[in-house]
Amino acid sequence: MSQASLPIFQLPQITRPRRIEGRITGLYRTSGEGFETIPVERLDLGYDGIAGDRHGGLTRKSGGREPWYPRGTEMRNERQLSILAPDELAAIAAAMDIAELRPEWIGGNLLLEGIAQLTWLPPRTLLFFANGVTLKIDGDNGPCRFAGRSIAEKVGGGTDVELGFVQAARKRRGLVAWVEKPGTIAAGESFEARLPEQWIYQG
């Protein structure tokens, strides 16, 4: 086929890369085997995430989020850290008609401010923290009944609250990330989010 007869390739919609600054307003980790987290002043992060944390490790077992594998299949752990935003938590609480929604109740590790619609940051976004740590965003964290049940245990409401969280938190439940460059992060530390060039596939 000659060059002249090749089909015309139209570039997809492209959004240019950009940078956004933010700040850590809270840090949390699990204590023991439980799902909920507790506030801490610092987090020591290795390539396996938070050492000893429920969601730490280089690998993890597949679950309901990965129906293409038999449940319990060992796979890469791209969900080492759960990242949340205060404004999104407040919006979820308002939608659920509850007074507050604390990061600890739904297993949050980092509470970040300064980025509007945090949950919508694209995969491959890098978070560069002032003290040298780099986190890589895998994607959004889909809400589940397990987290909803944790909220219901705090505020009451039973199954209505449990299921209500899944609906209210859709598209604003935060992000999951993994450690690209290890080190220590501290509450109050600044960071820069570097969003990659984004292509909208239309094939």
N, C-alpha and C. Protein backbone atom coordinates (compact mmCIF):
# COMPACT_ATOMS: atom_id res chain seq x y z
N MET A 1 0.85 -1.20 0.00
CA MET A 1 0.00 0.00 0.00
C MET A 1 0.89 1.24 0.00
N SER A 2 0.61 2.15 -0.91
CA SER A 2 1.41 3.35 -0.99
C SER A 2 1.03 4.32 0.11
N GLN A 3 1.95 5.26 0.35
CA GLN A 3 1.69 6.26 1.37
C GLN A 3 0.43 7.06 1.04
N ALA A 4 0.21 7.30 -0.23
CA ALA A 4 -0.93 8.12 -0.65
C ALA A 4 -2.26 7.41 -0.39
N SER A 5 -2.26 6.06 -0.39
CA SER A 5 -3.51 5.33 -0.22
C SER A 5 -3.83 4.98 1.24
N LEU A 6 -2.91 5.33 2.15
CA LEU A 6 -3.16 5.05 3.57
C LEU A 6 -4.33 5.88 4.07
N PRO A 7 -5.18 5.33 4.97
CA PRO A 7 -6.29 6.13 5.51
C PRO A 7 -5.78 7.31 6.33
N ILE A 8 -6.53 8.38 6.29
CA ILE A 8 -6.15 9.57 7.06
C ILE A 8 -6.37 9.29 8.54
N PHE A 9 -5.32 9.49 9.34
CA PHE A 9 -5.41 9.25 10.78
C PHE A 9 -5.69 10.57 11.48
N GLN A 10 -6.83 10.64 12.15
CA GLN A 10 -7.20 11.85 12.87
C GLN A 10 -6.81 11.71 14.33
N LEU A 11 -6.01 12.65 14.81
CA LEU A 11 -5.57 12.59 16.20
C LEU A 11 -6.76 12.71 17.15
N PRO A 12 -6.74 11.96 18.25
CA PRO A 12 -7.82 12.08 19.23
C PRO A 12 -7.72 13.40 19.97
N GLN A 13 -8.75 13.68 20.76
CA GLN A 13 -8.73 14.88 21.59
C GLN A 13 -7.60 14.77 22.59
N ILE A 14 -6.79 15.79 22.70
CA ILE A 14 -5.62 15.77 23.58
C ILE A 14 -5.69 16.95 24.54
N THR A 15 -5.49 16.66 25.83
CA THR A 15 -5.40 17.70 26.86
C THR A 15 -3.95 17.82 27.28
N ARG A 16 -3.42 19.00 27.27
CA ARG A 16 -2.01 19.23 27.56
C ARG A 16 -1.69 18.90 29.01
N PRO A 17 -0.44 18.52 29.30
CA PRO A 17 -0.04 18.26 30.69
C PRO A 17 -0.09 19.56 31.50
N ARG A 18 -0.26 19.42 32.80
CA ARG A 18 -0.31 20.60 33.67
C ARG A 18 0.16 20.23 35.06
N ARG A 19 0.36 21.26 35.89
CA ARG A 19 0.81 21.06 37.27
C ARG A 19 -0.12 21.80 38.22
N ILE A 20 -0.40 21.15 39.36
CA ILE A 20 -1.26 21.74 40.39
C ILE A 20 -0.60 21.53 41.74
N GLU A 21 -0.60 22.56 42.57
CA GLU A 21 0.00 22.46 43.90
C GLU A 21 -1.06 22.17 44.95
N GLY A 22 -0.67 21.43 45.98
CA GLY A 22 -1.58 21.10 47.07
C GLY A 22 -0.83 20.90 48.36
N ARG A 23 -1.56 20.42 49.39
CA ARG A 23 -0.97 20.24 50.71
C ARG A 23 -1.63 19.06 51.41
N ILE A 24 -0.83 18.35 52.22
CA ILE A 24 -1.36 17.25 53.02
C ILE A 24 -2.05 17.82 54.26
N THR A 25 -3.31 17.50 54.45
CA THR A 25 -4.01 17.96 55.65
C THR A 25 -4.25 16.84 56.65
N GLY A 26 -3.96 15.60 56.27
CA GLY A 26 -4.11 14.49 57.21
C GLY A 26 -3.45 13.24 56.68
N LEU A 27 -2.89 12.45 57.61
CA LEU A 27 -2.27 11.17 57.27
C LEU A 27 -2.84 10.10 58.19
N TYR A 28 -3.00 8.88 57.66
CA TYR A 28 -3.67 7.82 58.40
C TYR A 28 -3.08 6.46 57.99
N ARG A 29 -3.19 5.49 58.89
CA ARG A 29 -2.78 4.14 58.58
C ARG A 29 -3.63 3.17 59.39
N THR A 30 -3.66 1.92 58.96
CA THR A 30 -4.40 0.93 59.71
C THR A 30 -3.62 0.54 60.96
N SER A 31 -4.36 0.06 61.95
CA SER A 31 -3.75 -0.42 63.19
C SER A 31 -4.20 -1.86 63.37
N GLY A 32 -3.29 -2.81 63.20
CA GLY A 32 -3.68 -4.21 63.25
C GLY A 32 -4.29 -4.65 61.94
N GLU A 33 -5.30 -5.50 62.01
CA GLU A 33 -5.89 -6.09 60.83
C GLU A 33 -7.14 -5.35 60.34
N GLY A 34 -7.58 -4.34 61.06
CA GLY A 34 -8.83 -3.68 60.71
C GLY A 34 -8.76 -2.86 59.44
N PHE A 35 -9.94 -2.56 58.89
CA PHE A 35 -10.06 -1.76 57.67
C PHE A 35 -9.88 -0.27 57.95
N GLU A 36 -10.40 0.19 59.09
CA GLU A 36 -10.34 1.61 59.42
C GLU A 36 -8.92 2.05 59.75
N THR A 37 -8.66 3.33 59.57
CA THR A 37 -7.33 3.88 59.82
C THR A 37 -7.36 4.82 61.03
N ILE A 38 -6.17 5.16 61.51
CA ILE A 38 -6.01 6.10 62.63
C ILE A 38 -5.09 7.23 62.20
N PRO A 39 -5.29 8.45 62.75
CA PRO A 39 -4.43 9.58 62.36
C PRO A 39 -2.99 9.40 62.85
N VAL A 40 -2.04 9.80 62.02
CA VAL A 40 -0.62 9.82 62.38
C VAL A 40 -0.01 11.11 61.84
N GLU A 41 1.16 11.47 62.36
CA GLU A 41 1.82 12.69 61.91
C GLU A 41 2.71 12.46 60.68
N ARG A 42 3.19 11.22 60.52
CA ARG A 42 4.10 10.90 59.41
C ARG A 42 3.78 9.51 58.88
N LEU A 43 4.16 9.28 57.64
CA LEU A 43 4.08 7.95 57.05
C LEU A 43 5.42 7.63 56.40
N ASP A 44 6.00 6.50 56.80
CA ASP A 44 7.20 6.00 56.15
C ASP A 44 6.77 5.09 55.02
N LEU A 45 7.13 5.44 53.81
CA LEU A 45 6.67 4.73 52.62
C LEU A 45 7.83 4.03 51.92
N GLY A 46 7.66 2.74 51.68
CA GLY A 46 8.62 1.98 50.90
C GLY A 46 8.00 1.58 49.58
N TYR A 47 8.72 0.79 48.80
CA TYR A 47 8.17 0.34 47.53
C TYR A 47 6.93 -0.55 47.74
N ASP A 48 6.78 -1.05 48.96
CA ASP A 48 5.61 -1.87 49.28
C ASP A 48 4.51 -1.06 49.97
N GLY A 49 4.62 0.27 49.93
CA GLY A 49 3.61 1.10 50.58
C GLY A 49 3.94 1.35 52.03
N ILE A 50 2.93 1.28 52.90
CA ILE A 50 3.11 1.48 54.33
C ILE A 50 3.39 0.12 54.96
N ALA A 51 4.58 -0.04 55.53
CA ALA A 51 4.95 -1.32 56.13
C ALA A 51 3.96 -1.71 57.23
N GLY A 52 3.45 -2.91 57.16
CA GLY A 52 2.53 -3.40 58.17
C GLY A 52 1.10 -2.95 58.01
N ASP A 53 0.82 -2.11 57.02
CA ASP A 53 -0.54 -1.63 56.80
C ASP A 53 -1.36 -2.71 56.08
N ARG A 54 -2.66 -2.70 56.33
CA ARG A 54 -3.54 -3.70 55.73
C ARG A 54 -3.41 -3.73 54.21
N HIS A 55 -3.19 -2.56 53.60
CA HIS A 55 -3.13 -2.48 52.14
C HIS A 55 -1.71 -2.40 51.60
N GLY A 56 -0.71 -2.61 52.48
CA GLY A 56 0.67 -2.59 52.03
C GLY A 56 1.04 -3.86 51.27
N GLY A 57 2.21 -3.85 50.66
CA GLY A 57 2.71 -5.02 49.95
C GLY A 57 2.95 -4.75 48.49
N LEU A 58 3.91 -5.44 47.91
CA LEU A 58 4.18 -5.31 46.48
C LEU A 58 3.10 -6.00 45.66
N THR A 59 2.47 -7.03 46.24
CA THR A 59 1.39 -7.73 45.56
C THR A 59 0.18 -7.77 46.49
N ARG A 60 -0.97 -8.14 45.92
CA ARG A 60 -2.19 -8.31 46.70
C ARG A 60 -3.02 -9.42 46.06
N LYS A 61 -4.07 -9.82 46.76
CA LYS A 61 -4.98 -10.83 46.25
C LYS A 61 -6.13 -10.17 45.50
N SER A 62 -6.49 -10.70 44.36
CA SER A 62 -7.61 -10.14 43.59
C SER A 62 -8.92 -10.36 44.34
N GLY A 63 -9.87 -9.45 44.08
CA GLY A 63 -11.19 -9.54 44.71
C GLY A 63 -12.28 -9.24 43.71
N GLY A 64 -13.37 -8.66 44.22
CA GLY A 64 -14.51 -8.35 43.36
C GLY A 64 -14.23 -7.30 42.30
N ARG A 65 -13.20 -6.51 42.48
CA ARG A 65 -12.86 -5.47 41.50
C ARG A 65 -12.17 -6.06 40.26
N GLU A 66 -11.73 -7.30 40.36
CA GLU A 66 -11.01 -7.95 39.26
C GLU A 66 -11.71 -9.24 38.85
N PRO A 67 -12.89 -9.13 38.25
CA PRO A 67 -13.64 -10.35 37.90
C PRO A 67 -12.97 -11.19 36.83
N TRP A 68 -11.95 -10.66 36.16
CA TRP A 68 -11.25 -11.42 35.12
C TRP A 68 -10.28 -12.43 35.71
N TYR A 69 -10.02 -12.38 37.05
CA TYR A 69 -9.19 -13.38 37.72
C TYR A 69 -10.04 -14.17 38.71
N PRO A 70 -9.70 -15.42 38.96
CA PRO A 70 -10.32 -16.12 40.08
C PRO A 70 -10.00 -15.35 41.37
N ARG A 71 -11.00 -15.21 42.25
CA ARG A 71 -10.80 -14.47 43.48
C ARG A 71 -9.63 -15.07 44.27
N GLY A 72 -8.75 -14.18 44.75
CA GLY A 72 -7.58 -14.64 45.51
C GLY A 72 -6.32 -14.81 44.69
N THR A 73 -6.38 -14.48 43.40
CA THR A 73 -5.19 -14.55 42.54
C THR A 73 -4.19 -13.49 42.96
N GLU A 74 -2.92 -13.87 43.10
CA GLU A 74 -1.90 -12.88 43.45
C GLU A 74 -1.62 -12.00 42.25
N MET A 75 -1.57 -10.68 42.49
CA MET A 75 -1.37 -9.72 41.41
C MET A 75 -0.62 -8.51 41.96
N ARG A 76 -0.17 -7.66 41.06
CA ARG A 76 0.52 -6.43 41.44
C ARG A 76 -0.38 -5.57 42.32
N ASN A 77 0.17 -4.99 43.38
CA ASN A 77 -0.61 -4.12 44.26
C ASN A 77 -0.50 -2.68 43.81
N GLU A 78 -1.49 -2.22 43.08
CA GLU A 78 -1.55 -0.83 42.64
C GLU A 78 -2.43 0.01 43.56
N ARG A 79 -2.89 -0.60 44.67
CA ARG A 79 -3.80 0.04 45.61
C ARG A 79 -3.16 0.18 46.98
N GLN A 80 -1.88 0.57 47.02
CA GLN A 80 -1.17 0.66 48.30
C GLN A 80 -1.71 1.79 49.17
N LEU A 81 -2.19 2.86 48.55
CA LEU A 81 -2.61 4.05 49.30
C LEU A 81 -3.96 4.54 48.81
N SER A 82 -4.78 4.96 49.78
CA SER A 82 -6.09 5.56 49.49
C SER A 82 -5.99 7.06 49.74
N ILE A 83 -6.32 7.86 48.72
CA ILE A 83 -6.17 9.31 48.79
C ILE A 83 -7.55 9.96 48.72
N LEU A 84 -7.82 10.88 49.65
CA LEU A 84 -9.13 11.53 49.75
C LEU A 84 -8.97 13.04 49.78
N ALA A 85 -10.10 13.75 49.57
CA ALA A 85 -10.12 15.22 49.60
C ALA A 85 -11.24 15.69 50.53
N PRO A 86 -10.99 16.73 51.34
CA PRO A 86 -12.01 17.21 52.28
C PRO A 86 -13.31 17.65 51.62
N ASP A 87 -13.21 18.34 50.47
CA ASP A 87 -14.43 18.83 49.83
C ASP A 87 -15.27 17.68 49.28
N GLU A 88 -14.63 16.64 48.79
CA GLU A 88 -15.39 15.50 48.28
C GLU A 88 -16.04 14.72 49.43
N LEU A 89 -15.34 14.58 50.54
CA LEU A 89 -15.93 13.92 51.71
C LEU A 89 -17.15 14.69 52.21
N ALA A 90 -17.05 16.03 52.22
CA ALA A 90 -18.17 16.86 52.65
C ALA A 90 -19.35 16.71 51.70
N ALA A 91 -19.08 16.62 50.41
CA ALA A 91 -20.16 16.45 49.42
C ALA A 91 -20.84 15.09 49.58
N ILE A 92 -20.06 14.05 49.87
CA ILE A 92 -20.65 12.73 50.09
C ILE A 92 -21.53 12.76 51.34
N ALA A 93 -21.01 13.37 52.41
CA ALA A 93 -21.78 13.45 53.66
C ALA A 93 -23.09 14.18 53.44
N ALA A 94 -23.04 15.29 52.69
CA ALA A 94 -24.27 16.05 52.41
C ALA A 94 -25.26 15.22 51.62
N ALA A 95 -24.76 14.47 50.63
CA ALA A 95 -25.64 13.64 49.82
C ALA A 95 -26.27 12.51 50.63
N MET A 96 -25.56 12.06 51.67
CA MET A 96 -26.06 10.99 52.53
C MET A 96 -26.88 11.53 53.70
N ASP A 97 -26.89 12.86 53.84
CA ASP A 97 -27.60 13.52 54.94
C ASP A 97 -27.05 13.07 56.30
N ILE A 98 -25.72 13.03 56.40
CA ILE A 98 -25.05 12.77 57.68
C ILE A 98 -24.16 13.96 58.01
N ALA A 99 -23.84 14.12 59.28
CA ALA A 99 -23.13 15.32 59.73
C ALA A 99 -21.71 15.40 59.19
N GLU A 100 -21.02 14.28 59.09
CA GLU A 100 -19.64 14.27 58.61
C GLU A 100 -19.27 12.89 58.11
N LEU A 101 -18.20 12.86 57.34
CA LEU A 101 -17.62 11.61 56.88
C LEU A 101 -16.11 11.73 57.08
N ARG A 102 -15.58 11.00 58.03
CA ARG A 102 -14.16 11.07 58.34
C ARG A 102 -13.34 10.12 57.47
N PRO A 103 -12.14 10.54 57.09
CA PRO A 103 -11.29 9.68 56.25
C PRO A 103 -11.04 8.31 56.89
N GLU A 104 -10.89 8.30 58.21
CA GLU A 104 -10.58 7.05 58.90
C GLU A 104 -11.67 6.00 58.71
N TRP A 105 -12.91 6.42 58.61
CA TRP A 105 -14.03 5.49 58.52
C TRP A 105 -13.99 4.65 57.25
N ILE A 106 -13.40 5.21 56.19
CA ILE A 106 -13.39 4.49 54.91
C ILE A 106 -11.96 4.13 54.48
N GLY A 107 -11.07 4.02 55.48
CA GLY A 107 -9.73 3.51 55.21
C GLY A 107 -8.80 4.45 54.48
N GLY A 108 -9.00 5.77 54.62
CA GLY A 108 -8.14 6.73 53.94
C GLY A 108 -6.73 6.73 54.51
N ASN A 109 -5.73 7.04 53.66
CA ASN A 109 -4.34 7.19 54.09
C ASN A 109 -3.84 8.62 53.97
N LEU A 110 -4.25 9.33 52.92
CA LEU A 110 -3.85 10.71 52.73
C LEU A 110 -5.08 11.56 52.49
N LEU A 111 -5.14 12.70 53.19
CA LEU A 111 -6.17 13.70 52.94
C LEU A 111 -5.47 14.91 52.33
N LEU A 112 -5.83 15.24 51.09
CA LEU A 112 -5.13 16.29 50.34
C LEU A 112 -6.08 17.42 50.00
N GLU A 113 -5.59 18.65 50.10
CA GLU A 113 -6.38 19.80 49.69
C GLU A 113 -5.62 20.58 48.62
N GLY A 114 -6.38 21.36 47.85
CA GLY A 114 -5.77 22.20 46.83
C GLY A 114 -6.09 21.77 45.41
N ILE A 115 -6.67 20.58 45.24
CA ILE A 115 -7.00 20.08 43.91
C ILE A 115 -8.50 19.87 43.80
N ALA A 116 -9.14 20.68 42.99
CA ALA A 116 -10.58 20.52 42.78
C ALA A 116 -10.86 19.20 42.07
N GLN A 117 -11.95 18.54 42.46
CA GLN A 117 -12.34 17.26 41.85
C GLN A 117 -11.16 16.28 41.82
N LEU A 118 -10.59 16.06 42.98
CA LEU A 118 -9.42 15.19 43.11
C LEU A 118 -9.64 13.83 42.46
N THR A 119 -10.82 13.25 42.65
CA THR A 119 -11.09 11.92 42.13
C THR A 119 -10.94 11.84 40.61
N TRP A 120 -11.04 12.96 39.93
CA TRP A 120 -10.98 12.98 38.47
C TRP A 120 -9.56 13.14 37.93
N LEU A 121 -8.55 13.19 38.81
CA LEU A 121 -7.18 13.20 38.31
C LEU A 121 -6.96 11.95 37.46
N PRO A 122 -6.30 12.09 36.32
CA PRO A 122 -6.15 10.93 35.43
C PRO A 122 -5.10 9.94 35.93
N PRO A 123 -5.25 8.68 35.56
CA PRO A 123 -4.19 7.71 35.82
C PRO A 123 -2.86 8.20 35.25
N ARG A 124 -1.78 7.80 35.91
CA ARG A 124 -0.40 8.20 35.57
C ARG A 124 -0.03 9.56 36.12
N THR A 125 -0.96 10.26 36.79
CA THR A 125 -0.58 11.50 37.46
C THR A 125 0.45 11.18 38.54
N LEU A 126 1.47 12.01 38.64
CA LEU A 126 2.51 11.85 39.65
C LEU A 126 2.34 12.93 40.72
N LEU A 127 2.46 12.52 41.98
CA LEU A 127 2.43 13.45 43.11
C LEU A 127 3.83 13.54 43.67
N PHE A 128 4.45 14.72 43.54
CA PHE A 128 5.80 14.96 44.03
C PHE A 128 5.72 15.72 45.35
N PHE A 129 6.12 15.09 46.44
CA PHE A 129 6.04 15.70 47.76
C PHE A 129 7.34 16.42 48.10
N ALA A 130 7.22 17.47 48.92
CA ALA A 130 8.35 18.35 49.18
C ALA A 130 9.57 17.62 49.74
N ASN A 131 9.35 16.59 50.54
CA ASN A 131 10.47 15.87 51.16
C ASN A 131 11.03 14.74 50.30
N GLY A 132 10.54 14.60 49.07
CA GLY A 132 11.16 13.69 48.13
C GLY A 132 10.36 12.47 47.70
N VAL A 133 9.25 12.19 48.37
CA VAL A 133 8.43 11.03 47.99
C VAL A 133 7.68 11.31 46.69
N THR A 134 7.53 10.28 45.86
CA THR A 134 6.70 10.37 44.66
C THR A 134 5.68 9.24 44.68
N LEU A 135 4.41 9.59 44.49
CA LEU A 135 3.35 8.60 44.36
C LEU A 135 2.80 8.65 42.94
N LYS A 136 2.39 7.50 42.43
CA LYS A 136 1.80 7.44 41.10
C LYS A 136 0.34 7.01 41.22
N ILE A 137 -0.54 7.79 40.61
CA ILE A 137 -1.97 7.52 40.66
C ILE A 137 -2.31 6.37 39.72
N ASP A 138 -2.99 5.36 40.26
CA ASP A 138 -3.49 4.28 39.40
C ASP A 138 -4.84 4.65 38.81
N GLY A 139 -5.71 5.24 39.63
CA GLY A 139 -7.03 5.62 39.15
C GLY A 139 -7.98 5.89 40.31
N ASP A 140 -9.26 6.02 39.98
CA ASP A 140 -10.25 6.32 41.02
C ASP A 140 -10.53 5.07 41.85
N ASN A 141 -11.00 5.31 43.07
CA ASN A 141 -11.31 4.24 44.01
C ASN A 141 -12.82 4.07 44.06
N GLY A 142 -13.32 3.05 43.39
CA GLY A 142 -14.76 2.83 43.35
C GLY A 142 -15.33 2.55 44.73
N PRO A 143 -16.45 3.19 45.11
CA PRO A 143 -17.04 2.96 46.44
C PRO A 143 -17.64 1.56 46.55
N CYS A 144 -17.56 1.01 47.76
CA CYS A 144 -18.08 -0.33 47.99
C CYS A 144 -18.91 -0.38 49.27
N ARG A 145 -19.68 -1.44 49.42
CA ARG A 145 -20.53 -1.60 50.60
C ARG A 145 -19.71 -1.81 51.86
N PHE A 146 -18.51 -2.33 51.73
CA PHE A 146 -17.66 -2.55 52.89
C PHE A 146 -17.39 -1.23 53.60
N ALA A 147 -17.03 -0.19 52.83
CA ALA A 147 -16.83 1.13 53.41
C ALA A 147 -18.14 1.71 53.92
N GLY A 148 -19.23 1.49 53.16
CA GLY A 148 -20.53 1.96 53.60
C GLY A 148 -20.96 1.36 54.92
N ARG A 149 -20.63 0.09 55.13
CA ARG A 149 -20.97 -0.58 56.38
C ARG A 149 -20.20 0.05 57.55
N SER A 150 -18.95 0.45 57.29
CA SER A 150 -18.15 1.11 58.32
C SER A 150 -18.79 2.44 58.74
N ILE A 151 -19.30 3.18 57.75
CA ILE A 151 -19.97 4.45 58.05
C ILE A 151 -21.24 4.20 58.85
N ALA A 152 -22.01 3.20 58.45
CA ALA A 152 -23.26 2.89 59.14
C ALA A 152 -23.01 2.53 60.60
N GLU A 153 -21.90 1.88 60.89
CA GLU A 153 -21.57 1.54 62.27
C GLU A 153 -21.30 2.78 63.12
N LYS A 154 -20.89 3.88 62.45
CA LYS A 154 -20.59 5.12 63.19
C LYS A 154 -21.81 6.01 63.34
N VAL A 155 -22.63 6.08 62.30
CA VAL A 155 -23.73 7.06 62.31
C VAL A 155 -25.11 6.42 62.39
N GLY A 156 -25.17 5.09 62.32
CA GLY A 156 -26.47 4.42 62.31
C GLY A 156 -27.04 4.39 60.90
N GLY A 157 -28.24 3.89 60.80
CA GLY A 157 -28.91 3.86 59.50
C GLY A 157 -28.87 2.53 58.80
N GLY A 158 -28.02 1.61 59.26
CA GLY A 158 -28.01 0.26 58.72
C GLY A 158 -27.77 0.19 57.22
N THR A 159 -28.53 -0.69 56.59
CA THR A 159 -28.33 -0.97 55.17
C THR A 159 -28.58 0.25 54.29
N ASP A 160 -29.50 1.13 54.71
CA ASP A 160 -29.77 2.33 53.91
C ASP A 160 -28.51 3.18 53.78
N VAL A 161 -27.77 3.34 54.87
CA VAL A 161 -26.53 4.11 54.83
C VAL A 161 -25.45 3.34 54.07
N GLU A 162 -25.38 2.05 54.30
CA GLU A 162 -24.39 1.21 53.63
C GLU A 162 -24.53 1.32 52.11
N LEU A 163 -25.74 1.17 51.61
CA LEU A 163 -25.98 1.27 50.18
C LEU A 163 -25.95 2.72 49.70
N GLY A 164 -26.38 3.63 50.56
CA GLY A 164 -26.39 5.04 50.20
C GLY A 164 -25.00 5.58 49.92
N PHE A 165 -24.00 5.06 50.64
CA PHE A 165 -22.62 5.51 50.40
C PHE A 165 -22.18 5.16 48.99
N VAL A 166 -22.50 3.97 48.53
CA VAL A 166 -22.08 3.54 47.19
C VAL A 166 -22.58 4.50 46.13
N GLN A 167 -23.81 4.95 46.27
CA GLN A 167 -24.39 5.89 45.31
C GLN A 167 -23.82 7.28 45.48
N ALA A 168 -23.76 7.76 46.74
CA ALA A 168 -23.33 9.14 47.00
C ALA A 168 -21.85 9.36 46.69
N ALA A 169 -21.03 8.30 46.83
CA ALA A 169 -19.58 8.46 46.67
C ALA A 169 -19.09 8.19 45.26
N ARG A 170 -19.99 7.81 44.37
CA ARG A 170 -19.56 7.51 43.00
C ARG A 170 -18.93 8.74 42.35
N LYS A 171 -17.75 8.57 41.79
CA LYS A 171 -16.98 9.62 41.09
C LYS A 171 -16.37 10.67 42.04
N ARG A 172 -16.44 10.42 43.36
CA ARG A 172 -15.81 11.36 44.29
C ARG A 172 -15.31 10.67 45.56
N ARG A 173 -14.98 9.39 45.44
CA ARG A 173 -14.51 8.61 46.58
C ARG A 173 -12.98 8.64 46.71
N GLY A 174 -12.32 9.41 45.85
CA GLY A 174 -10.87 9.54 45.93
C GLY A 174 -10.14 8.61 44.98
N LEU A 175 -8.85 8.45 45.23
CA LEU A 175 -7.94 7.76 44.32
C LEU A 175 -7.16 6.66 45.04
N VAL A 176 -6.63 5.74 44.27
CA VAL A 176 -5.65 4.80 44.80
C VAL A 176 -4.33 5.05 44.08
N ALA A 177 -3.23 4.81 44.81
CA ALA A 177 -1.91 5.11 44.27
C ALA A 177 -0.90 4.10 44.82
N TRP A 178 0.27 4.09 44.19
CA TRP A 178 1.37 3.26 44.67
C TRP A 178 2.65 4.10 44.74
N VAL A 179 3.61 3.60 45.50
CA VAL A 179 4.84 4.36 45.76
C VAL A 179 5.82 4.16 44.62
N GLU A 180 6.16 5.25 43.93
CA GLU A 180 7.17 5.17 42.88
C GLU A 180 8.56 5.49 43.44
N LYS A 181 8.63 6.45 44.39
CA LYS A 181 9.90 6.82 45.02
C LYS A 181 9.65 6.90 46.53
N PRO A 182 10.29 6.04 47.32
CA PRO A 182 9.98 5.96 48.75
C PRO A 182 10.60 7.08 49.57
N GLY A 183 10.17 7.14 50.83
CA GLY A 183 10.64 8.14 51.76
C GLY A 183 9.59 8.38 52.83
N THR A 184 9.63 9.55 53.44
CA THR A 184 8.69 9.90 54.51
C THR A 184 7.90 11.14 54.14
N ILE A 185 6.60 11.11 54.37
CA ILE A 185 5.76 12.29 54.19
C ILE A 185 5.19 12.68 55.55
N ALA A 186 4.91 13.98 55.70
CA ALA A 186 4.44 14.49 56.99
C ALA A 186 3.21 15.37 56.79
N ALA A 187 2.37 15.40 57.80
CA ALA A 187 1.19 16.27 57.77
C ALA A 187 1.61 17.72 57.57
N GLY A 188 0.90 18.44 56.70
CA GLY A 188 1.22 19.83 56.40
C GLY A 188 2.18 20.00 55.23
N GLU A 189 2.76 18.92 54.75
CA GLU A 189 3.74 18.98 53.66
C GLU A 189 3.05 19.36 52.35
N SER A 190 3.76 20.12 51.54
CA SER A 190 3.24 20.51 50.23
C SER A 190 3.61 19.47 49.19
N PHE A 191 2.89 19.49 48.07
CA PHE A 191 3.17 18.59 46.97
C PHE A 191 2.77 19.25 45.66
N GLU A 192 3.25 18.68 44.57
CA GLU A 192 2.87 19.12 43.24
C GLU A 192 2.35 17.93 42.46
N ALA A 193 1.15 18.05 41.93
CA ALA A 193 0.58 17.03 41.06
C ALA A 193 0.94 17.37 39.62
N ARG A 194 1.54 16.42 38.92
CA ARG A 194 1.89 16.61 37.52
C ARG A 194 1.02 15.70 36.68
N LEU A 195 0.05 16.30 36.00
CA LEU A 195 -0.89 15.55 35.18
C LEU A 195 -0.27 15.29 33.81
N PRO A 196 -0.37 14.06 33.31
CA PRO A 196 0.21 13.76 32.01
C PRO A 196 -0.66 14.32 30.88
N GLU A 197 -0.09 14.37 29.69
CA GLU A 197 -0.89 14.64 28.51
C GLU A 197 -1.97 13.54 28.40
N GLN A 198 -3.21 13.95 28.18
CA GLN A 198 -4.30 12.98 28.17
C GLN A 198 -4.86 12.84 26.75
N TRP A 199 -4.98 11.60 26.32
CA TRP A 199 -5.57 11.28 25.03
C TRP A 199 -6.94 10.64 25.24
N ILE A 200 -7.94 11.09 24.53
CA ILE A 200 -9.26 10.49 24.56
C ILE A 200 -9.38 9.53 23.40
N TYR A 201 -9.32 8.24 23.71
CA TYR A 201 -9.35 7.21 22.66
C TYR A 201 -10.72 7.13 22.02
N GLN A 202 -10.76 7.19 20.68
CA GLN A 202 -12.01 7.15 19.96
C GLN A 202 -11.99 6.13 18.82
N GLY A 203 -11.21 5.07 18.98
CA GLY A 203 -11.05 4.08 17.93
C GLY A 203 -12.31 3.26 17.71
